[in-house]
Each structure stands twice: as structure tokens, then as C-alpha cells.
């Protein structure tokens, strides 16, 4: 399974925190929207704090 590099992960999480849309994040980073959706699901889960450190 492919995983985003740590700096891109933190960028996605930061932009999600700032309520940016998937399309806006895609335009800024070049990351596919499906990938952003996957990280959004991780970020929004109740176990987000432990999931973020294990990715």
C-alpha cells in the first residue's frame, strides 16, 4: 500500500483542519481526491489522535 510522505500528510491534515475542500486540497498539493478522502476519514475518526501517529 502506498503512503503519503510525512510532510504531505501533515499538509493534508492542516488543510482539513482549516475546512478546505477536497478539490482545493487537490489543487494545492496535487494529491488525488480519493487519497484525500481516505485521510479525511482517518482524521475524522474518533481514534484520530492515535491513527495520525501510526500512519
N, C-alpha and C. Protein backbone atom coordinates (compact mmCIF):
# COMPACT_ATOMS: atom_id res chain seq x y z
N UNK A 1 0.84 -1.18 0.00
CA UNK A 1 0.00 0.00 0.00
C UNK A 1 0.88 1.24 0.00
N UNK A 2 0.53 2.18 -0.84
CA UNK A 2 1.28 3.43 -0.90
C UNK A 2 0.84 4.37 0.22
N UNK A 3 1.79 5.11 0.75
CA UNK A 3 1.52 6.04 1.83
C UNK A 3 2.15 7.37 1.47
N UNK A 4 1.44 8.46 1.81
CA UNK A 4 1.98 9.79 1.56
C UNK A 4 3.19 10.04 2.44
N UNK A 5 4.09 10.85 1.93
CA UNK A 5 5.25 11.25 2.73
C UNK A 5 4.76 12.09 3.90
N UNK A 6 5.51 12.07 5.00
CA UNK A 6 5.05 12.75 6.22
C UNK A 6 4.71 14.23 6.03
N UNK A 7 5.49 14.94 5.22
CA UNK A 7 5.20 16.37 5.05
C UNK A 7 3.90 16.59 4.28
N UNK A 8 3.57 15.68 3.36
CA UNK A 8 2.30 15.79 2.64
C UNK A 8 1.13 15.40 3.54
N UNK A 9 1.34 14.42 4.40
CA UNK A 9 0.30 14.04 5.36
C UNK A 9 -0.04 15.21 6.26
N UNK A 10 0.98 15.86 6.79
CA UNK A 10 0.71 16.99 7.69
C UNK A 10 0.06 18.14 6.94
N UNK A 11 0.42 18.33 5.66
CA UNK A 11 -0.22 19.37 4.86
C UNK A 11 -1.70 19.07 4.69
N UNK A 12 -2.03 17.82 4.36
CA UNK A 12 -3.44 17.43 4.18
C UNK A 12 -4.20 17.62 5.49
N UNK A 13 -3.65 17.15 6.60
CA UNK A 13 -4.33 17.29 7.89
C UNK A 13 -4.52 18.75 8.27
N UNK A 14 -3.52 19.59 8.00
CA UNK A 14 -3.62 21.02 8.30
C UNK A 14 -4.73 21.66 7.47
N UNK A 15 -4.76 21.34 6.18
CA UNK A 15 -5.79 21.92 5.31
C UNK A 15 -7.18 21.42 5.69
N UNK A 16 -7.29 20.16 6.10
CA UNK A 16 -8.58 19.65 6.56
C UNK A 16 -9.03 20.37 7.83
N UNK A 17 -8.08 20.65 8.73
CA UNK A 17 -8.40 21.39 9.95
C UNK A 17 -8.94 22.78 9.61
N UNK A 18 -8.44 23.35 8.53
CA UNK A 18 -8.86 24.69 8.11
C UNK A 18 -10.09 24.65 7.21
N UNK A 19 -10.76 23.50 7.18
CA UNK A 19 -12.01 23.31 6.44
C UNK A 19 -11.89 23.59 4.95
N UNK A 20 -10.76 23.24 4.37
CA UNK A 20 -10.60 23.35 2.91
C UNK A 20 -11.28 22.15 2.27
N UNK A 21 -11.83 22.35 1.08
CA UNK A 21 -12.50 21.25 0.38
C UNK A 21 -11.46 20.31 -0.24
N UNK A 22 -11.93 19.12 -0.60
CA UNK A 22 -11.04 18.15 -1.24
C UNK A 22 -10.49 18.70 -2.54
N UNK A 23 -11.32 19.41 -3.28
CA UNK A 23 -10.85 19.98 -4.55
C UNK A 23 -9.79 21.04 -4.32
N UNK A 24 -9.97 21.87 -3.30
CA UNK A 24 -8.96 22.89 -3.00
C UNK A 24 -7.64 22.24 -2.60
N UNK A 25 -7.72 21.20 -1.78
CA UNK A 25 -6.51 20.50 -1.36
C UNK A 25 -5.84 19.85 -2.56
N UNK A 26 -6.64 19.27 -3.46
CA UNK A 26 -6.08 18.64 -4.65
C UNK A 26 -5.34 19.67 -5.50
N UNK A 27 -5.94 20.83 -5.69
CA UNK A 27 -5.30 21.88 -6.49
C UNK A 27 -3.99 22.35 -5.86
N UNK A 28 -3.98 22.50 -4.54
CA UNK A 28 -2.79 23.00 -3.85
C UNK A 28 -1.65 21.99 -3.80
N UNK A 29 -2.00 20.70 -3.61
CA UNK A 29 -0.97 19.69 -3.36
C UNK A 29 -0.72 18.74 -4.52
N UNK A 30 -1.72 18.58 -5.39
CA UNK A 30 -1.59 17.60 -6.47
C UNK A 30 -1.93 16.18 -6.04
N UNK A 31 -2.45 16.03 -4.82
CA UNK A 31 -2.83 14.72 -4.30
C UNK A 31 -4.23 14.39 -4.79
N UNK A 32 -4.45 13.15 -5.20
CA UNK A 32 -5.75 12.71 -5.70
C UNK A 32 -6.83 12.85 -4.63
N UNK A 33 -8.05 13.18 -5.07
CA UNK A 33 -9.15 13.37 -4.12
C UNK A 33 -9.50 12.11 -3.37
N UNK A 34 -9.34 10.95 -3.99
CA UNK A 34 -9.62 9.69 -3.29
C UNK A 34 -8.66 9.51 -2.11
N UNK A 35 -7.42 9.89 -2.31
CA UNK A 35 -6.42 9.81 -1.24
C UNK A 35 -6.78 10.79 -0.13
N UNK A 36 -7.20 11.99 -0.51
CA UNK A 36 -7.60 12.99 0.49
C UNK A 36 -8.79 12.48 1.28
N UNK A 37 -9.75 11.84 0.60
CA UNK A 37 -10.92 11.27 1.29
C UNK A 37 -10.50 10.23 2.31
N UNK A 38 -9.52 9.40 1.93
CA UNK A 38 -9.04 8.36 2.84
C UNK A 38 -8.43 8.99 4.10
N UNK A 39 -7.62 10.02 3.91
CA UNK A 39 -7.01 10.68 5.06
C UNK A 39 -8.04 11.48 5.85
N UNK A 40 -9.07 11.98 5.17
CA UNK A 40 -10.13 12.69 5.86
C UNK A 40 -10.89 11.74 6.78
N UNK A 41 -11.12 10.51 6.33
CA UNK A 41 -11.79 9.51 7.15
C UNK A 41 -10.95 9.19 8.38
N UNK A 42 -9.65 9.09 8.20
CA UNK A 42 -8.76 8.83 9.33
C UNK A 42 -8.78 10.01 10.29
N UNK A 43 -8.70 11.21 9.74
CA UNK A 43 -8.66 12.43 10.53
C UNK A 43 -9.95 12.62 11.32
N UNK A 44 -11.08 12.28 10.73
CA UNK A 44 -12.37 12.48 11.36
C UNK A 44 -12.79 11.37 12.29
N UNK A 45 -12.06 10.28 12.34
CA UNK A 45 -12.45 9.16 13.19
C UNK A 45 -12.20 9.48 14.66
N UNK A 46 -12.92 8.84 15.56
CA UNK A 46 -12.74 9.09 16.99
C UNK A 46 -11.34 8.74 17.48
N UNK A 47 -10.66 7.85 16.77
CA UNK A 47 -9.31 7.45 17.16
C UNK A 47 -8.27 8.25 16.40
N UNK A 48 -8.60 9.44 15.94
CA UNK A 48 -7.72 10.22 15.06
C UNK A 48 -6.36 10.49 15.68
N UNK A 49 -6.31 10.75 16.97
CA UNK A 49 -5.03 11.08 17.58
C UNK A 49 -4.07 9.89 17.53
N UNK A 50 -4.57 8.68 17.75
CA UNK A 50 -3.69 7.52 17.67
C UNK A 50 -3.45 7.10 16.23
N UNK A 51 -4.43 7.32 15.34
CA UNK A 51 -4.27 6.95 13.94
C UNK A 51 -3.26 7.84 13.23
N UNK A 52 -3.23 9.13 13.58
CA UNK A 52 -2.30 10.04 12.95
C UNK A 52 -0.85 9.67 13.23
N UNK A 53 -0.57 9.18 14.42
CA UNK A 53 0.80 8.85 14.76
C UNK A 53 1.24 7.51 14.16
N UNK A 54 0.27 6.66 13.78
CA UNK A 54 0.65 5.35 13.28
C UNK A 54 0.72 5.27 11.76
N UNK A 55 0.37 6.33 11.06
CA UNK A 55 0.39 6.29 9.58
C UNK A 55 1.79 6.46 9.08
